[in-house]
Amino acid sequence: MAHSQHLLKIPTQGKSFYNITQQVQSVVAESGMSMGLCTLFLRHTSASLVIQENADPDVLRDLETFLARIVPEGPHYRHSTEGPDDMPAHIRTALTHTSEYIPIRQGRLATGIWQGIYVWEHRQHGSNREVIVHLSGE
């Protein structure tokens, strides 16, 4: 079984979803693996990785609205040294994921037709996010 790793650098410009499906698929294609597992790991505590609807942008907007409702920003958190959006971003990350696992089948990610892979930025201001793509297979 072969293994490889690649680091994706994802610049964000504030709260939003950033589709990284094509970048991850490119890493898989370049690896030459026909079958295996793609593990994604986001190296941050105030952003998330999600696999979600990639056809209707209202799905992503509704997710953001819902999470903002259950984890509001404001001055009511003890941790506030990085601003009023930092602690809510940590909570949102704790409620979602920082890693995802996707099978590799016939040299491609085995995602569904309507699935996309997203970095979900939870902070108001942009940041440079890093995703480690670890591939194992043959």
C-alpha atoms as a PDB file:
ATOM      1  CA  MET A   1       0.000   0.000   0.000  1.00  0.00           C
ATOM      2  CA  ALA A   2       1.320   3.413  -0.954  1.00  0.00           C
ATOM      3  CA  HIS A   3       0.963   6.641   1.032  1.00  0.00           C
ATOM      4  CA  SER A   4       1.392  10.254   0.044  1.00  0.00           C
ATOM      5  CA  GLN A   5       0.705  13.653   1.561  1.00  0.00           C
ATOM      6  CA  HIS A   6       0.103  17.060   0.070  1.00  0.00           C
ATOM      7  CA  LEU A   7      -0.493  20.420   1.732  1.00  0.00           C
ATOM      8  CA  LEU A   8      -3.207  22.626   0.254  1.00  0.00           C
ATOM      9  CA  LYS A   9      -3.087  26.320   1.115  1.00  0.00           C
ATOM     10  CA  ILE A  10      -6.535  27.880   1.058  1.00  0.00           C
ATOM     11  CA  PRO A  11      -6.778  31.670   1.353  1.00  0.00           C
ATOM     12  CA  THR A  12     -10.112  32.755   2.818  1.00  0.00           C
ATOM     13  CA  GLN A  13     -11.652  36.197   2.894  1.00  0.00           C
ATOM     14  CA  GLY A  14     -13.983  35.887   5.854  1.00  0.00           C
ATOM     15  CA  LYS A  15     -17.034  33.869   6.744  1.00  0.00           C
ATOM     16  CA  SER A  16     -18.016  31.678   3.848  1.00  0.00           C
ATOM     17  CA  PHE A  17     -17.624  28.258   2.259  1.00  0.00           C
ATOM     18  CA  TYR A  18     -14.584  27.683   0.036  1.00  0.00           C
ATOM     19  CA  ASN A  19     -14.958  24.778  -2.383  1.00  0.00           C
ATOM     20  CA  ILE A  20     -11.761  22.703  -2.493  1.00  0.00           C
ATOM     21  CA  THR A  21     -13.166  19.668  -4.335  1.00  0.00           C
ATOM     22  CA  GLN A  22     -11.164  20.239  -7.527  1.00  0.00           C
ATOM     23  CA  GLN A  23      -7.912  20.842  -5.652  1.00  0.00           C
ATOM     24  CA  VAL A  24      -8.324  17.597  -3.693  1.00  0.00           C
ATOM     25  CA  GLN A  25      -9.313  15.690  -6.845  1.00  0.00           C
ATOM     26  CA  SER A  26      -6.170  16.986  -8.572  1.00  0.00           C
ATOM     27  CA  VAL A  27      -4.013  15.619  -5.746  1.00  0.00           C
ATOM     28  CA  VAL A  28      -5.756  12.237  -6.083  1.00  0.00           C
ATOM     29  CA  ALA A  29      -5.298  12.201  -9.876  1.00  0.00           C
ATOM     30  CA  GLU A  30      -1.620  13.128  -9.635  1.00  0.00           C
ATOM     31  CA  SER A  31      -1.015  10.327  -7.102  1.00  0.00           C
ATOM     32  CA  GLY A  32      -1.901   7.649  -9.644  1.00  0.00           C
ATOM     33  CA  MET A  33      -3.836   5.688  -7.011  1.00  0.00           C
ATOM     34  CA  SER A  34      -6.826   3.808  -8.368  1.00  0.00           C
ATOM     35  CA  MET A  35      -8.287   2.618  -5.056  1.00  0.00           C
ATOM     36  CA  GLY A  36      -7.769   3.762  -1.484  1.00  0.00           C
ATOM     37  CA  LEU A  37      -8.691   6.411   1.022  1.00  0.00           C
ATOM     38  CA  CYS A  38      -8.290  10.180   1.012  1.00  0.00           C
ATOM     39  CA  THR A  39      -8.024  11.692   4.477  1.00  0.00           C
ATOM     40  CA  LEU A  40      -8.372  15.465   4.805  1.00  0.00           C
ATOM     41  CA  PHE A  41      -7.270  17.333   7.913  1.00  0.00           C
ATOM     42  CA  LEU A  42      -7.725  21.071   8.463  1.00  0.00           C
ATOM     43  CA  ARG A  43      -4.955  22.470  10.686  1.00  0.00           C
ATOM     44  CA  HIS A  44      -7.061  25.121  12.431  1.00  0.00           C
ATOM     45  CA  THR A  45      -9.500  25.566  15.330  1.00  0.00           C
ATOM     46  CA  SER A  46     -11.698  28.325  13.919  1.00  0.00           C
ATOM     47  CA  ALA A  47     -12.670  26.810  10.561  1.00  0.00           C
ATOM     48  CA  SER A  48     -14.186  23.487   9.504  1.00  0.00           C
ATOM     49  CA  LEU A  49     -14.205  20.917   6.739  1.00  0.00           C
ATOM     50  CA  VAL A  50     -17.596  19.827   5.434  1.00  0.00           C
ATOM     51  CA  ILE A  51     -18.916  17.686   2.622  1.00  0.00           C
ATOM     52  CA  GLN A  52     -22.113  19.329   1.501  1.00  0.00           C
ATOM     53  CA  GLU A  53     -24.492  20.187  -1.350  1.00  0.00           C
ATOM     54  CA  ASN A  54     -22.630  21.712  -4.301  1.00  0.00           C
ATOM     55  CA  ALA A  55     -25.563  22.605  -6.575  1.00  0.00           C
ATOM     56  CA  ASP A  56     -27.829  24.994  -4.664  1.00  0.00           C
ATOM     57  CA  PRO A  57     -25.951  27.774  -2.811  1.00  0.00           C
ATOM     58  CA  ASP A  58     -28.998  28.296  -0.567  1.00  0.00           C
ATOM     59  CA  VAL A  59     -28.024  25.110   1.277  1.00  0.00           C
ATOM     60  CA  LEU A  60     -24.719  26.661   2.331  1.00  0.00           C
ATOM     61  CA  ARG A  61     -26.389  29.958   3.266  1.00  0.00           C
ATOM     62  CA  ASP A  62     -28.982  28.116   5.359  1.00  0.00           C
ATOM     63  CA  LEU A  63     -26.223  26.207   7.178  1.00  0.00           C
ATOM     64  CA  GLU A  64     -24.415  29.464   7.956  1.00  0.00           C
ATOM     65  CA  THR A  65     -27.648  31.091   9.169  1.00  0.00           C
ATOM     66  CA  PHE A  66     -28.470  28.107  11.384  1.00  0.00           C
ATOM     67  CA  LEU A  67     -25.009  27.937  12.968  1.00  0.00           C
ATOM     68  CA  ALA A  68     -24.980  31.718  13.533  1.00  0.00           C
ATOM     69  CA  ARG A  69     -28.300  31.364  15.344  1.00  0.00           C
ATOM     70  CA  ILE A  70     -27.151  28.613  17.716  1.00  0.00           C
ATOM     71  CA  VAL A  71     -23.641  30.075  18.227  1.00  0.00           C
ATOM     72  CA  PRO A  72     -24.036  33.871  18.176  1.00  0.00           C
ATOM     73  CA  GLU A  73     -21.135  36.282  18.233  1.00  0.00           C
ATOM     74  CA  GLY A  74     -20.894  38.792  21.022  1.00  0.00           C
ATOM     75  CA  PRO A  75     -19.149  39.869  24.216  1.00  0.00           C
ATOM     76  CA  HIS A  76     -20.556  37.038  26.367  1.00  0.00           C
ATOM     77  CA  TYR A  77     -17.537  34.696  26.059  1.00  0.00           C
ATOM     78  CA  ARG A  78     -14.515  34.651  28.373  1.00  0.00           C
ATOM     79  CA  HIS A  79     -12.093  34.014  25.498  1.00  0.00           C
ATOM     80  CA  SER A  80     -12.122  37.267  23.548  1.00  0.00           C
ATOM     81  CA  THR A  81      -8.472  38.234  23.054  1.00  0.00           C
ATOM     82  CA  GLU A  82      -8.717  37.688  19.284  1.00  0.00           C
ATOM     83  CA  GLY A  83     -12.044  39.461  18.861  1.00  0.00           C
ATOM     84  CA  PRO A  84     -15.745  38.775  19.384  1.00  0.00           C
ATOM     85  CA  ASP A  85     -15.888  36.286  16.504  1.00  0.00           C
ATOM     86  CA  ASP A  86     -13.059  34.036  17.755  1.00  0.00           C
ATOM     87  CA  MET A  87     -14.744  32.016  20.505  1.00  0.00           C
ATOM     88  CA  PRO A  88     -17.904  31.463  18.437  1.00  0.00           C
ATOM     89  CA  ALA A  89     -15.616  30.226  15.639  1.00  0.00           C
ATOM     90  CA  HIS A  90     -14.034  27.697  18.025  1.00  0.00           C
ATOM     91  CA  ILE A  91     -17.478  26.461  19.114  1.00  0.00           C
ATOM     92  CA  ARG A  92     -18.638  26.156  15.497  1.00  0.00           C
ATOM     93  CA  THR A  93     -15.548  24.112  14.701  1.00  0.00           C
ATOM     94  CA  ALA A  94     -16.188  21.860  17.714  1.00  0.00           C
ATOM     95  CA  LEU A  95     -19.741  21.239  16.430  1.00  0.00           C
ATOM     96  CA  THR A  96     -18.591  20.391  12.918  1.00  0.00           C
ATOM     97  CA  HIS A  97     -15.398  18.663  11.647  1.00  0.00           C
ATOM     98  CA  THR A  98     -11.730  19.297  11.043  1.00  0.00           C
ATOM     99  CA  SER A  99     -11.275  16.030   9.139  1.00  0.00           C
ATOM    100  CA  GLU A 100     -13.071  14.056   6.445  1.00  0.00           C
ATOM    101  CA  TYR A 101     -12.504  10.643   4.865  1.00  0.00           C
ATOM    102  CA  ILE A 102     -13.384   9.944   1.236  1.00  0.00           C
ATOM    103  CA  PRO A 103     -12.877   6.660  -0.630  1.00  0.00           C
ATOM    104  CA  ILE A 104     -10.842   6.688  -3.817  1.00  0.00           C
ATOM    105  CA  ARG A 105     -12.467   4.616  -6.537  1.00  0.00           C
ATOM    106  CA  GLN A 106     -11.214   4.216 -10.107  1.00  0.00           C
ATOM    107  CA  GLY A 107      -8.668   6.998  -9.557  1.00  0.00           C
ATOM    108  CA  ARG A 108     -11.246   9.579  -8.380  1.00  0.00           C
ATOM    109  CA  LEU A 109     -12.861  10.747  -5.178  1.00  0.00           C
ATOM    110  CA  ALA A 110     -15.975   8.611  -4.653  1.00  0.00           C
ATOM    111  CA  THR A 111     -18.171  11.558  -3.697  1.00  0.00           C
ATOM    112  CA  GLY A 112     -21.801  11.741  -4.707  1.00  0.00           C
ATOM    113  CA  ILE A 113     -22.866  13.829  -7.680  1.00  0.00           C
ATOM    114  CA  TRP A 114     -24.161  16.683  -5.489  1.00  0.00           C
ATOM    115  CA  GLN A 115     -21.337  16.604  -2.920  1.00  0.00           C
ATOM    116  CA  GLY A 116     -18.586  19.183  -2.657  1.00  0.00           C
ATOM    117  CA  ILE A 117     -15.742  19.494  -0.165  1.00  0.00           C
ATOM    118  CA  TYR A 118     -15.579  22.858   1.579  1.00  0.00           C
ATOM    119  CA  VAL A 119     -13.414  24.747   4.024  1.00  0.00           C
ATOM    120  CA  TRP A 120     -15.953  26.604   6.153  1.00  0.00           C
ATOM    121  CA  GLU A 121     -14.368  29.801   7.442  1.00  0.00           C
ATOM    122  CA  HIS A 122     -15.935  30.854  10.757  1.00  0.00           C
ATOM    123  CA  ARG A 123     -13.988  34.099  11.292  1.00  0.00           C
ATOM    124  CA  GLN A 124     -15.004  37.549  10.029  1.00  0.00           C
ATOM    125  CA  HIS A 125     -11.572  38.233   8.539  1.00  0.00           C
ATOM    126  CA  GLY A 126      -9.763  36.065   6.060  1.00  0.00           C
ATOM    127  CA  SER A 127      -6.909  33.768   6.861  1.00  0.00           C
ATOM    128  CA  ASN A 128      -4.554  31.382   5.145  1.00  0.00           C
ATOM    129  CA  ARG A 129      -5.889  27.924   5.934  1.00  0.00           C
ATOM    130  CA  GLU A 130      -4.008  24.660   5.439  1.00  0.00           C
ATOM    131  CA  VAL A 131      -5.481  21.280   4.584  1.00  0.00           C
ATOM    132  CA  ILE A 132      -3.337  18.158   4.705  1.00  0.00           C
ATOM    133  CA  VAL A 133      -4.391  15.620   2.080  1.00  0.00           C
ATOM    134  CA  HIS A 134      -3.200  12.121   3.039  1.00  0.00           C
ATOM    135  CA  LEU A 135      -3.707   9.374   0.489  1.00  0.00           C
ATOM    136  CA  SER A 136      -3.327   5.676   1.121  1.00  0.00           C
ATOM    137  CA  GLY A 137      -4.033   2.977  -1.409  1.00  0.00           C
ATOM    138  CA  GLU A 138      -2.852   1.361  -4.587  1.00  0.00           C
END
